N, C-alpha and C. Protein backbone atom coordinates (compact mmCIF):
# COMPACT_ATOMS: atom_id res chain seq x y z
N UNK A 1 -8.37 6.65 -7.82
CA UNK A 1 -9.58 6.15 -8.42
C UNK A 1 -9.55 6.41 -9.92
N UNK A 2 -10.06 5.48 -10.67
CA UNK A 2 -10.12 5.58 -12.13
C UNK A 2 -11.52 5.22 -12.60
N UNK A 3 -11.99 5.95 -13.59
CA UNK A 3 -13.27 5.60 -14.20
C UNK A 3 -13.03 4.46 -15.18
N UNK A 4 -13.98 3.54 -15.22
CA UNK A 4 -13.89 2.37 -16.08
C UNK A 4 -15.21 2.22 -16.83
N UNK A 5 -15.11 1.85 -18.09
CA UNK A 5 -16.29 1.56 -18.90
C UNK A 5 -16.36 0.04 -19.05
N UNK A 6 -17.54 -0.51 -18.77
CA UNK A 6 -17.75 -1.96 -18.86
C UNK A 6 -18.91 -2.20 -19.82
N UNK A 7 -18.70 -3.12 -20.76
CA UNK A 7 -19.76 -3.42 -21.73
C UNK A 7 -19.60 -4.85 -22.25
N UNK A 8 -20.71 -5.44 -22.71
CA UNK A 8 -20.62 -6.79 -23.25
C UNK A 8 -19.92 -6.78 -24.60
N UNK A 9 -18.96 -7.68 -24.76
CA UNK A 9 -18.23 -7.79 -26.02
C UNK A 9 -18.95 -8.72 -26.99
N UNK A 10 -18.44 -8.81 -28.18
CA UNK A 10 -19.06 -9.63 -29.22
C UNK A 10 -18.85 -11.12 -29.00
N UNK A 11 -17.88 -11.48 -28.17
CA UNK A 11 -17.53 -12.89 -27.98
C UNK A 11 -18.10 -13.48 -26.69
N UNK A 12 -19.19 -12.91 -26.19
CA UNK A 12 -19.85 -13.38 -24.95
C UNK A 12 -19.08 -13.02 -23.69
N UNK A 13 -17.97 -12.30 -23.82
CA UNK A 13 -17.20 -11.84 -22.66
C UNK A 13 -17.55 -10.38 -22.39
N UNK A 14 -17.30 -9.95 -21.16
CA UNK A 14 -17.45 -8.54 -20.80
C UNK A 14 -16.11 -7.85 -20.99
N UNK A 15 -16.15 -6.65 -21.51
CA UNK A 15 -14.95 -5.86 -21.75
C UNK A 15 -14.94 -4.71 -20.75
N UNK A 16 -13.76 -4.39 -20.22
CA UNK A 16 -13.59 -3.27 -19.30
C UNK A 16 -12.38 -2.48 -19.76
N UNK A 17 -12.55 -1.17 -19.85
CA UNK A 17 -11.42 -0.33 -20.23
C UNK A 17 -11.38 0.94 -19.40
N UNK A 18 -10.16 1.44 -19.25
CA UNK A 18 -9.91 2.65 -18.46
C UNK A 18 -9.46 3.75 -19.42
N UNK A 19 -10.36 4.65 -19.81
CA UNK A 19 -10.04 5.66 -20.82
C UNK A 19 -8.87 6.59 -20.47
N UNK A 20 -8.63 6.84 -19.19
CA UNK A 20 -7.54 7.75 -18.83
C UNK A 20 -6.17 7.09 -18.92
N UNK A 21 -6.15 5.78 -19.12
CA UNK A 21 -4.89 5.04 -19.31
C UNK A 21 -4.96 4.36 -20.68
N UNK A 22 -4.49 5.02 -21.72
CA UNK A 22 -4.63 4.50 -23.08
C UNK A 22 -4.14 3.06 -23.23
N UNK A 23 -5.01 2.22 -23.78
CA UNK A 23 -4.66 0.83 -24.00
C UNK A 23 -4.89 -0.09 -22.81
N UNK A 24 -5.35 0.46 -21.70
CA UNK A 24 -5.60 -0.35 -20.50
C UNK A 24 -7.00 -0.96 -20.62
N UNK A 25 -7.02 -2.20 -21.12
CA UNK A 25 -8.27 -2.90 -21.40
C UNK A 25 -8.15 -4.32 -20.85
N UNK A 26 -9.26 -4.86 -20.35
CA UNK A 26 -9.29 -6.23 -19.89
C UNK A 26 -10.66 -6.80 -20.20
N UNK A 27 -10.86 -8.06 -19.85
CA UNK A 27 -12.15 -8.70 -20.07
C UNK A 27 -12.36 -9.80 -19.07
N UNK A 28 -13.57 -10.34 -19.05
CA UNK A 28 -13.87 -11.45 -18.17
C UNK A 28 -15.13 -12.16 -18.64
N UNK A 29 -15.31 -13.38 -18.18
CA UNK A 29 -16.48 -14.17 -18.55
C UNK A 29 -17.76 -13.57 -17.97
N UNK A 30 -17.62 -12.86 -16.85
CA UNK A 30 -18.77 -12.17 -16.24
C UNK A 30 -18.39 -10.70 -16.04
N UNK A 31 -19.39 -9.89 -15.77
CA UNK A 31 -19.15 -8.47 -15.51
C UNK A 31 -18.22 -8.30 -14.31
N UNK A 32 -18.49 -9.06 -13.26
CA UNK A 32 -17.69 -8.97 -12.04
C UNK A 32 -16.24 -9.37 -12.30
N UNK A 33 -16.05 -10.41 -13.11
CA UNK A 33 -14.69 -10.85 -13.43
C UNK A 33 -13.96 -9.78 -14.24
N UNK A 34 -14.67 -9.14 -15.16
CA UNK A 34 -14.06 -8.06 -15.96
C UNK A 34 -13.63 -6.91 -15.05
N UNK A 35 -14.43 -6.59 -14.06
CA UNK A 35 -14.10 -5.50 -13.13
C UNK A 35 -12.88 -5.89 -12.29
N UNK A 36 -12.85 -7.12 -11.80
CA UNK A 36 -11.68 -7.59 -11.05
C UNK A 36 -10.43 -7.52 -11.91
N UNK A 37 -10.55 -7.95 -13.16
CA UNK A 37 -9.40 -7.97 -14.06
C UNK A 37 -8.92 -6.57 -14.43
N UNK A 38 -9.84 -5.61 -14.61
CA UNK A 38 -9.40 -4.26 -14.96
C UNK A 38 -8.74 -3.59 -13.75
N UNK A 39 -9.17 -3.93 -12.55
CA UNK A 39 -8.48 -3.41 -11.35
C UNK A 39 -7.01 -3.82 -11.37
N UNK A 40 -6.78 -5.09 -11.65
CA UNK A 40 -5.41 -5.60 -11.70
C UNK A 40 -4.63 -4.97 -12.86
N UNK A 41 -5.29 -4.81 -14.00
CA UNK A 41 -4.64 -4.20 -15.16
C UNK A 41 -4.24 -2.76 -14.87
N UNK A 42 -5.09 -2.02 -14.18
CA UNK A 42 -4.79 -0.62 -13.82
C UNK A 42 -3.58 -0.58 -12.89
N UNK A 43 -3.56 -1.45 -11.88
CA UNK A 43 -2.43 -1.49 -10.95
C UNK A 43 -1.13 -1.79 -11.69
N UNK A 44 -1.17 -2.76 -12.60
CA UNK A 44 0.04 -3.14 -13.34
C UNK A 44 0.46 -2.04 -14.31
N UNK A 45 -0.48 -1.38 -14.93
CA UNK A 45 -0.20 -0.29 -15.87
C UNK A 45 0.54 0.84 -15.15
N UNK A 46 -0.01 1.25 -14.00
CA UNK A 46 0.59 2.34 -13.23
C UNK A 46 1.96 1.91 -12.69
N UNK A 47 2.08 0.68 -12.21
CA UNK A 47 3.37 0.20 -11.70
C UNK A 47 4.43 0.22 -12.80
N UNK A 48 4.05 -0.16 -14.01
CA UNK A 48 5.00 -0.16 -15.13
C UNK A 48 5.44 1.26 -15.47
N UNK A 49 4.51 2.21 -15.46
CA UNK A 49 4.88 3.61 -15.71
C UNK A 49 5.85 4.11 -14.64
N UNK A 50 5.53 3.83 -13.38
CA UNK A 50 6.38 4.29 -12.28
C UNK A 50 7.76 3.64 -12.35
N UNK A 51 7.80 2.36 -12.68
CA UNK A 51 9.08 1.66 -12.80
C UNK A 51 9.95 2.28 -13.89
N UNK A 52 9.31 2.71 -14.97
CA UNK A 52 10.05 3.34 -16.08
C UNK A 52 10.23 4.84 -15.87
N UNK A 53 9.82 5.33 -14.70
CA UNK A 53 9.94 6.75 -14.34
C UNK A 53 9.21 7.65 -15.34
N UNK A 54 8.04 7.17 -15.77
CA UNK A 54 7.19 7.93 -16.68
C UNK A 54 6.02 8.51 -15.89
N UNK A 55 5.46 9.63 -16.33
CA UNK A 55 4.34 10.22 -15.60
C UNK A 55 3.08 9.37 -15.71
N UNK A 56 2.33 9.32 -14.64
CA UNK A 56 1.05 8.62 -14.63
C UNK A 56 -0.02 9.63 -15.04
N UNK A 57 -0.75 9.36 -16.13
CA UNK A 57 -1.78 10.31 -16.57
C UNK A 57 -2.82 10.53 -15.48
N UNK A 58 -3.26 11.77 -15.32
CA UNK A 58 -4.30 12.04 -14.33
C UNK A 58 -5.65 11.49 -14.81
N UNK A 59 -6.54 11.29 -13.88
CA UNK A 59 -7.91 10.91 -14.24
C UNK A 59 -8.58 12.16 -14.78
N UNK A 60 -8.94 12.14 -16.03
CA UNK A 60 -9.49 13.34 -16.66
C UNK A 60 -10.74 13.04 -17.47
N UNK A 61 -11.18 11.82 -17.43
CA UNK A 61 -12.30 11.38 -18.25
C UNK A 61 -13.62 11.70 -17.57
N UNK A 62 -14.58 12.20 -18.32
CA UNK A 62 -15.91 12.46 -17.79
C UNK A 62 -16.92 11.73 -18.65
N UNK A 63 -17.73 10.89 -18.04
CA UNK A 63 -18.72 10.11 -18.78
C UNK A 63 -20.12 10.72 -18.59
N UNK A 64 -20.87 10.70 -19.66
CA UNK A 64 -22.25 11.18 -19.63
C UNK A 64 -23.13 10.18 -20.36
N UNK A 65 -24.38 10.09 -19.94
CA UNK A 65 -25.38 9.33 -20.67
C UNK A 65 -26.18 10.33 -21.47
N UNK A 66 -26.33 10.07 -22.75
CA UNK A 66 -27.05 11.00 -23.62
C UNK A 66 -28.28 10.28 -24.18
N UNK A 67 -29.44 10.82 -23.95
CA UNK A 67 -30.67 10.23 -24.50
C UNK A 67 -30.81 10.64 -25.95
N UNK A 68 -31.10 9.68 -26.80
CA UNK A 68 -31.27 9.95 -28.23
C UNK A 68 -32.65 9.52 -28.66
């Protein structure tokens, strides 16, 4: 399992990124599409690391909501 941050981008698309996998970012026309796309991006990211015999970073990200 990986934590993912999803937010509306400036170009009317939704952006999804996985902080524990640096550079693992995707997007979609809808929130649901962005989530589907980041799932695939995470799978491909991890597969590429494993193929290159590189370590897969652990899930270490903790998200909090802070009221200001």
